[in-house]
Amino acid sequence: MQFRRQNTEQDGVNLTPLIDVVFLLLIFFMVSTTFTKESHLKLNLPEAAGPQADSPPSTIEVLINADGSYSVDGKALINKKLVTLKSALSEVSGGEYNRPLILTADATAEHQAVVRAMDAAGQLGFVHLSITTRQPDEQ
């Protein structure tokens, strides 16, 4: 009988399956990761219990009545639409959107009216936005 020796050249470790698993894990983590860019309108909310702040003379004040009607720097607007509010803010500011804007809303005003005013300010580019509050009643 003649026996032949077989060639055994595969003495090392095969790394191909390991690399496949690493790539699969990499793809899994890339797909499962969420990349979101959140944008927020920055608000400077005053302290409710703090002292009253003096407003600079170059501020723009938007008053929101209980029924949701607007008044910009003491001038009442003809309707409650976003377009009307934006045009009034543009006219009063004269294109200077870096001026401070103060929102004063009635406590019983609809939330939508306040959000509409904030949206108009944000669309025009106002960045210094404040909401006024009153001192809490002592009990």
N, C-alpha and C. Protein backbone atom coordinates (compact mmCIF):
# COMPACT_ATOMS: atom_id res chain seq x y z
N MET A 1 0.81 -1.18 0.00
CA MET A 1 0.00 0.00 0.00
C MET A 1 0.86 1.24 0.00
N GLN A 2 0.43 2.10 -0.80
CA GLN A 2 1.17 3.36 -0.86
C GLN A 2 0.29 4.49 -0.32
N PHE A 3 0.75 5.07 0.76
CA PHE A 3 0.03 6.22 1.35
C PHE A 3 0.70 7.50 0.89
N ARG A 4 -0.16 8.45 0.53
CA ARG A 4 0.38 9.75 0.15
C ARG A 4 0.12 10.76 1.24
N ARG A 5 1.05 11.58 1.43
CA ARG A 5 0.87 12.66 2.40
C ARG A 5 0.04 13.78 1.78
N GLN A 6 -0.90 14.27 2.56
CA GLN A 6 -1.70 15.39 2.06
C GLN A 6 -1.05 16.69 2.50
N ASN A 7 -1.17 17.66 1.63
CA ASN A 7 -0.60 18.97 1.90
C ASN A 7 -1.52 19.74 2.88
N THR A 8 -1.00 20.17 3.98
CA THR A 8 -1.79 20.96 4.94
C THR A 8 -1.16 22.35 5.04
N GLU A 9 -1.56 23.22 4.13
CA GLU A 9 -1.02 24.58 4.12
C GLU A 9 -1.93 25.55 4.85
N GLN A 10 -3.02 25.12 5.39
CA GLN A 10 -3.97 26.00 6.06
C GLN A 10 -3.74 25.94 7.56
N ASP A 11 -2.58 26.39 7.98
CA ASP A 11 -2.26 26.35 9.40
C ASP A 11 -2.72 27.61 10.13
N GLY A 12 -2.95 28.75 9.42
CA GLY A 12 -3.34 30.02 10.05
C GLY A 12 -4.84 30.10 10.30
N VAL A 13 -5.25 31.17 10.98
CA VAL A 13 -6.65 31.42 11.29
C VAL A 13 -7.28 32.23 10.15
N ASN A 14 -8.44 31.80 9.70
CA ASN A 14 -9.13 32.50 8.63
C ASN A 14 -9.90 33.68 9.24
N LEU A 15 -9.54 34.92 8.85
CA LEU A 15 -10.14 36.13 9.41
C LEU A 15 -11.36 36.62 8.62
N THR A 16 -11.69 36.00 7.53
CA THR A 16 -12.80 36.47 6.70
C THR A 16 -14.13 36.48 7.45
N PRO A 17 -14.52 35.44 8.17
CA PRO A 17 -15.79 35.51 8.91
C PRO A 17 -15.79 36.59 10.00
N LEU A 18 -14.65 36.82 10.64
CA LEU A 18 -14.56 37.84 11.66
C LEU A 18 -14.76 39.23 11.05
N ILE A 19 -14.16 39.48 9.92
CA ILE A 19 -14.31 40.77 9.25
C ILE A 19 -15.76 40.95 8.80
N ASP A 20 -16.40 39.90 8.32
CA ASP A 20 -17.80 39.99 7.92
C ASP A 20 -18.70 40.38 9.10
N VAL A 21 -18.45 39.79 10.24
CA VAL A 21 -19.25 40.10 11.43
C VAL A 21 -19.02 41.56 11.86
N VAL A 22 -17.79 42.02 11.82
CA VAL A 22 -17.49 43.41 12.19
C VAL A 22 -18.20 44.38 11.25
N PHE A 23 -18.19 44.10 9.95
CA PHE A 23 -18.88 44.97 9.00
C PHE A 23 -20.39 44.93 9.20
N LEU A 24 -20.94 43.78 9.52
CA LEU A 24 -22.37 43.70 9.79
C LEU A 24 -22.74 44.52 11.03
N LEU A 25 -21.93 44.45 12.07
CA LEU A 25 -22.18 45.26 13.26
C LEU A 25 -22.07 46.75 12.95
N LEU A 26 -21.10 47.12 12.16
CA LEU A 26 -20.93 48.52 11.78
C LEU A 26 -22.15 49.01 11.01
N ILE A 27 -22.61 48.24 10.07
CA ILE A 27 -23.80 48.62 9.29
C ILE A 27 -25.02 48.71 10.19
N PHE A 28 -25.17 47.78 11.12
CA PHE A 28 -26.31 47.80 12.04
C PHE A 28 -26.31 49.08 12.86
N PHE A 29 -25.17 49.45 13.42
CA PHE A 29 -25.12 50.66 14.24
C PHE A 29 -25.31 51.93 13.41
N MET A 30 -24.83 51.93 12.19
CA MET A 30 -25.02 53.10 11.34
C MET A 30 -26.49 53.27 10.97
N VAL A 31 -27.17 52.19 10.71
CA VAL A 31 -28.58 52.26 10.33
C VAL A 31 -29.46 52.59 11.52
N SER A 32 -29.14 52.07 12.68
CA SER A 32 -30.00 52.27 13.85
C SER A 32 -29.78 53.61 14.53
N THR A 33 -28.71 54.31 14.22
CA THR A 33 -28.45 55.61 14.82
C THR A 33 -29.26 56.67 14.09
N THR A 34 -29.88 57.58 14.86
CA THR A 34 -30.64 58.66 14.25
C THR A 34 -29.84 59.95 14.34
N PHE A 35 -29.84 60.67 13.27
CA PHE A 35 -29.16 61.96 13.21
C PHE A 35 -30.23 63.02 12.99
N THR A 36 -30.56 63.74 14.05
CA THR A 36 -31.56 64.79 13.95
C THR A 36 -30.94 66.12 14.32
N LYS A 37 -31.36 67.13 13.63
CA LYS A 37 -30.92 68.48 13.95
C LYS A 37 -32.14 69.22 14.46
N GLU A 38 -32.11 69.54 15.73
CA GLU A 38 -33.24 70.23 16.32
C GLU A 38 -32.97 71.72 16.33
N SER A 39 -33.99 72.46 15.98
CA SER A 39 -33.87 73.91 16.02
C SER A 39 -34.95 74.44 16.95
N HIS A 40 -34.56 75.35 17.81
CA HIS A 40 -35.48 75.90 18.78
C HIS A 40 -35.41 77.42 18.72
N LEU A 41 -36.51 78.02 19.02
CA LEU A 41 -36.55 79.46 19.16
C LEU A 41 -36.12 79.78 20.58
N LYS A 42 -35.04 80.52 20.74
CA LYS A 42 -34.52 80.81 22.07
C LYS A 42 -35.37 81.90 22.72
N LEU A 43 -35.78 81.63 23.94
CA LEU A 43 -36.60 82.57 24.69
C LEU A 43 -35.87 83.01 25.94
N ASN A 44 -35.97 84.28 26.23
CA ASN A 44 -35.46 84.81 27.49
C ASN A 44 -36.65 85.02 28.40
N LEU A 45 -36.94 84.04 29.24
CA LEU A 45 -38.09 84.13 30.12
C LEU A 45 -37.69 84.80 31.43
N PRO A 46 -38.38 85.88 31.79
CA PRO A 46 -38.03 86.55 33.05
C PRO A 46 -38.54 85.76 34.24
N GLU A 47 -37.89 85.96 35.36
CA GLU A 47 -38.32 85.33 36.60
C GLU A 47 -39.64 85.94 37.03
N ALA A 48 -40.56 85.11 37.44
CA ALA A 48 -41.87 85.60 37.87
C ALA A 48 -41.81 86.28 39.23
N ALA A 49 -40.90 85.84 40.08
CA ALA A 49 -40.81 86.40 41.43
C ALA A 49 -39.74 87.47 41.54
N GLY A 50 -39.02 87.73 40.48
CA GLY A 50 -37.92 88.70 40.53
C GLY A 50 -38.41 90.13 40.37
N PRO A 51 -37.50 91.07 40.46
CA PRO A 51 -37.89 92.48 40.29
C PRO A 51 -38.24 92.77 38.84
N GLN A 52 -39.00 93.84 38.64
CA GLN A 52 -39.37 94.22 37.29
C GLN A 52 -38.16 94.73 36.54
N ALA A 53 -38.07 94.33 35.28
CA ALA A 53 -36.96 94.77 34.45
C ALA A 53 -37.40 95.96 33.62
N ASP A 54 -36.52 96.95 33.54
CA ASP A 54 -36.81 98.11 32.69
C ASP A 54 -36.57 97.71 31.26
N SER A 55 -37.52 98.04 30.40
CA SER A 55 -37.36 97.70 28.98
C SER A 55 -36.63 98.83 28.28
N PRO A 56 -35.67 98.49 27.43
CA PRO A 56 -34.95 99.52 26.68
C PRO A 56 -35.92 100.25 25.75
N PRO A 57 -35.61 101.48 25.38
CA PRO A 57 -36.54 102.25 24.55
C PRO A 57 -36.72 101.71 23.14
N SER A 58 -35.82 100.86 22.66
CA SER A 58 -35.93 100.39 21.28
C SER A 58 -36.63 99.04 21.17
N THR A 59 -37.40 98.67 22.18
CA THR A 59 -38.09 97.38 22.12
C THR A 59 -39.40 97.51 21.35
N ILE A 60 -39.86 96.37 20.85
CA ILE A 60 -41.15 96.29 20.17
C ILE A 60 -42.04 95.44 21.07
N GLU A 61 -43.25 95.92 21.35
CA GLU A 61 -44.15 95.19 22.24
C GLU A 61 -45.37 94.71 21.48
N VAL A 62 -45.66 93.42 21.60
CA VAL A 62 -46.84 92.83 20.98
C VAL A 62 -47.78 92.44 22.12
N LEU A 63 -48.99 93.02 22.11
CA LEU A 63 -50.00 92.71 23.11
C LEU A 63 -51.01 91.75 22.50
N ILE A 64 -51.34 90.71 23.27
CA ILE A 64 -52.32 89.72 22.82
C ILE A 64 -53.48 89.76 23.80
N ASN A 65 -54.66 90.15 23.31
CA ASN A 65 -55.85 90.26 24.15
C ASN A 65 -56.44 88.89 24.42
N ALA A 66 -57.44 88.86 25.31
CA ALA A 66 -58.08 87.60 25.68
C ALA A 66 -58.78 86.93 24.50
N ASP A 67 -59.26 87.74 23.54
CA ASP A 67 -59.94 87.16 22.38
C ASP A 67 -58.96 86.78 21.26
N GLY A 68 -57.66 87.00 21.46
CA GLY A 68 -56.65 86.61 20.48
C GLY A 68 -56.28 87.70 19.50
N SER A 69 -56.80 88.91 19.69
CA SER A 69 -56.44 90.01 18.79
C SER A 69 -55.10 90.60 19.20
N TYR A 70 -54.40 91.18 18.23
CA TYR A 70 -53.05 91.67 18.45
C TYR A 70 -53.00 93.19 18.42
N SER A 71 -51.99 93.71 19.10
CA SER A 71 -51.68 95.13 19.07
C SER A 71 -50.17 95.24 19.08
N VAL A 72 -49.60 95.92 18.08
CA VAL A 72 -48.14 96.06 17.96
C VAL A 72 -47.78 97.50 18.27
N ASP A 73 -47.02 97.70 19.32
CA ASP A 73 -46.62 99.03 19.80
C ASP A 73 -47.81 99.97 19.95
N GLY A 74 -48.90 99.46 20.50
CA GLY A 74 -50.07 100.28 20.78
C GLY A 74 -51.05 100.44 19.63
N LYS A 75 -50.73 99.90 18.47
CA LYS A 75 -51.62 100.00 17.31
C LYS A 75 -52.31 98.66 17.11
N ALA A 76 -53.66 98.69 17.19
CA ALA A 76 -54.42 97.45 17.04
C ALA A 76 -54.40 96.99 15.58
N LEU A 77 -54.29 95.68 15.37
CA LEU A 77 -54.30 95.12 14.02
C LEU A 77 -55.74 94.82 13.60
N ILE A 78 -55.98 94.79 12.28
CA ILE A 78 -57.34 94.64 11.79
C ILE A 78 -57.85 93.21 11.88
N ASN A 79 -56.94 92.22 11.88
CA ASN A 79 -57.38 90.82 12.02
C ASN A 79 -56.32 90.03 12.77
N LYS A 80 -56.58 88.73 12.92
CA LYS A 80 -55.69 87.86 13.71
C LYS A 80 -54.80 86.99 12.85
N LYS A 81 -54.62 87.33 11.57
CA LYS A 81 -53.87 86.48 10.65
C LYS A 81 -52.36 86.68 10.83
N LEU A 82 -51.63 85.63 10.48
CA LEU A 82 -50.17 85.64 10.59
C LEU A 82 -49.56 86.67 9.64
N VAL A 83 -50.12 86.79 8.46
CA VAL A 83 -49.58 87.73 7.45
C VAL A 83 -49.69 89.16 7.96
N THR A 84 -50.82 89.49 8.57
CA THR A 84 -51.03 90.84 9.10
C THR A 84 -50.05 91.13 10.22
N LEU A 85 -49.86 90.17 11.09
CA LEU A 85 -48.92 90.35 12.20
C LEU A 85 -47.49 90.51 11.70
N LYS A 86 -47.10 89.70 10.72
CA LYS A 86 -45.74 89.81 10.17
C LYS A 86 -45.52 91.16 9.50
N SER A 87 -46.50 91.64 8.74
CA SER A 87 -46.33 92.94 8.07
C SER A 87 -46.27 94.07 9.09
N ALA A 88 -47.05 93.99 10.17
CA ALA A 88 -46.99 95.02 11.21
C ALA A 88 -45.64 95.00 11.92
N LEU A 89 -45.13 93.81 12.22
CA LEU A 89 -43.81 93.72 12.85
C LEU A 89 -42.70 94.24 11.94
N SER A 90 -42.81 93.94 10.65
CA SER A 90 -41.81 94.44 9.70
C SER A 90 -41.84 95.96 9.61
N GLU A 91 -43.05 96.50 9.60
CA GLU A 91 -43.20 97.95 9.49
C GLU A 91 -42.67 98.66 10.73
N VAL A 92 -43.00 98.14 11.90
CA VAL A 92 -42.56 98.77 13.15
C VAL A 92 -41.06 98.64 13.34
N SER A 93 -40.50 97.48 13.00
CA SER A 93 -39.07 97.27 13.21
C SER A 93 -38.22 97.99 12.18
N GLY A 94 -38.78 98.26 11.03
CA GLY A 94 -38.00 98.93 9.98
C GLY A 94 -36.88 98.05 9.46
N GLY A 95 -37.03 96.75 9.53
CA GLY A 95 -36.02 95.82 9.04
C GLY A 95 -34.94 95.49 10.05
N GLU A 96 -35.01 96.08 11.24
CA GLU A 96 -34.03 95.79 12.29
C GLU A 96 -34.57 94.65 13.15
N TYR A 97 -34.26 93.43 12.75
CA TYR A 97 -34.80 92.27 13.44
C TYR A 97 -33.97 91.84 14.64
N ASN A 98 -32.93 92.60 14.95
CA ASN A 98 -32.14 92.29 16.15
C ASN A 98 -32.64 93.06 17.37
N ARG A 99 -33.69 93.86 17.18
CA ARG A 99 -34.28 94.59 18.31
C ARG A 99 -35.02 93.62 19.22
N PRO A 100 -35.06 93.89 20.52
CA PRO A 100 -35.80 93.01 21.43
C PRO A 100 -37.30 93.09 21.18
N LEU A 101 -37.96 91.94 21.26
CA LEU A 101 -39.40 91.85 21.07
C LEU A 101 -40.02 91.30 22.35
N ILE A 102 -41.01 92.00 22.87
CA ILE A 102 -41.66 91.60 24.12
C ILE A 102 -43.09 91.18 23.81
N LEU A 103 -43.44 89.96 24.21
CA LEU A 103 -44.79 89.45 24.06
C LEU A 103 -45.51 89.57 25.40
N THR A 104 -46.66 90.26 25.39
CA THR A 104 -47.48 90.39 26.57
C THR A 104 -48.85 89.82 26.23
N ALA A 105 -49.18 88.68 26.82
CA ALA A 105 -50.44 88.01 26.51
C ALA A 105 -51.32 87.98 27.75
N ASP A 106 -52.62 88.10 27.51
CA ASP A 106 -53.59 87.96 28.57
C ASP A 106 -53.55 86.52 29.08
N ALA A 107 -53.81 86.34 30.37
CA ALA A 107 -53.74 85.00 30.96
C ALA A 107 -54.78 84.05 30.37
N THR A 108 -55.87 84.60 29.85
CA THR A 108 -56.92 83.76 29.28
C THR A 108 -56.85 83.70 27.76
N ALA A 109 -55.80 84.25 27.17
CA ALA A 109 -55.65 84.21 25.71
C ALA A 109 -55.38 82.78 25.26
N GLU A 110 -55.81 82.48 24.04
CA GLU A 110 -55.58 81.15 23.49
C GLU A 110 -54.09 80.92 23.28
N HIS A 111 -53.69 79.70 23.49
CA HIS A 111 -52.29 79.32 23.29
C HIS A 111 -51.90 79.53 21.82
N GLN A 112 -52.83 79.28 20.91
CA GLN A 112 -52.55 79.44 19.48
C GLN A 112 -52.17 80.88 19.14
N ALA A 113 -52.79 81.84 19.79
CA ALA A 113 -52.48 83.25 19.51
C ALA A 113 -51.04 83.57 19.91
N VAL A 114 -50.60 83.03 21.04
CA VAL A 114 -49.22 83.27 21.49
C VAL A 114 -48.24 82.57 20.55
N VAL A 115 -48.56 81.34 20.17
CA VAL A 115 -47.68 80.59 19.26
C VAL A 115 -47.60 81.28 17.91
N ARG A 116 -48.72 81.83 17.43
CA ARG A 116 -48.72 82.55 16.15
C ARG A 116 -47.81 83.77 16.22
N ALA A 117 -47.84 84.50 17.34
CA ALA A 117 -46.96 85.66 17.50
C ALA A 117 -45.49 85.24 17.54
N MET A 118 -45.21 84.15 18.24
CA MET A 118 -43.83 83.65 18.29
C MET A 118 -43.37 83.16 16.91
N ASP A 119 -44.27 82.54 16.16
CA ASP A 119 -43.96 82.06 14.83
C ASP A 119 -43.66 83.23 13.89
N ALA A 120 -44.46 84.28 13.97
CA ALA A 120 -44.23 85.46 13.13
C ALA A 120 -42.87 86.07 13.44
N ALA A 121 -42.54 86.17 14.72
CA ALA A 121 -41.24 86.73 15.11
C ALA A 121 -40.10 85.85 14.61
N GLY A 122 -40.27 84.54 14.74
CA GLY A 122 -39.22 83.63 14.29
C GLY A 122 -39.03 83.65 12.78
N GLN A 123 -40.13 83.75 12.03
CA GLN A 123 -40.02 83.79 10.56
C GLN A 123 -39.35 85.07 10.08
N LEU A 124 -39.56 86.16 10.80
CA LEU A 124 -38.93 87.42 10.41
C LEU A 124 -37.47 87.50 10.84
N GLY A 125 -37.07 86.70 11.82
CA GLY A 125 -35.67 86.68 12.24
C GLY A 125 -35.40 87.34 13.57
N PHE A 126 -36.43 87.62 14.35
CA PHE A 126 -36.21 88.16 15.69
C PHE A 126 -35.57 87.08 16.56
N VAL A 127 -34.51 87.44 17.27
CA VAL A 127 -33.82 86.47 18.11
C VAL A 127 -33.92 86.82 19.59
N HIS A 128 -34.21 88.06 19.92
CA HIS A 128 -34.34 88.49 21.32
C HIS A 128 -35.82 88.60 21.64
N LEU A 129 -36.37 87.51 22.16
CA LEU A 129 -37.80 87.43 22.43
C LEU A 129 -38.02 87.22 23.93
N SER A 130 -38.87 88.04 24.52
CA SER A 130 -39.18 87.93 25.95
C SER A 130 -40.69 87.83 26.12
N ILE A 131 -41.10 87.12 27.16
CA ILE A 131 -42.51 87.01 27.51
C ILE A 131 -42.67 87.64 28.88
N THR A 132 -43.61 88.57 29.00
CA THR A 132 -43.79 89.25 30.27
C THR A 132 -44.66 88.42 31.20
N THR A 133 -44.40 88.59 32.49
CA THR A 133 -45.19 87.95 33.54
C THR A 133 -45.51 89.00 34.58
N ARG A 134 -46.31 88.64 35.53
CA ARG A 134 -46.61 89.57 36.64
C ARG A 134 -46.18 88.91 37.94
N GLN A 135 -46.04 89.73 38.96
CA GLN A 135 -45.65 89.23 40.27
C GLN A 135 -46.76 88.37 40.84
N PRO A 136 -46.42 87.23 41.47
CA PRO A 136 -47.47 86.41 42.10
C PRO A 136 -48.08 87.13 43.29
N ASP A 137 -49.38 86.87 43.50
CA ASP A 137 -50.06 87.48 44.64
C ASP A 137 -49.61 86.82 45.93
N GLU A 138 -49.35 87.64 46.94
CA GLU A 138 -48.96 87.13 48.26
C GLU A 138 -50.20 86.60 48.96
N GLN A 139 -50.09 85.41 49.52
CA GLN A 139 -51.24 84.85 50.24
C GLN A 139 -50.93 84.64 51.68
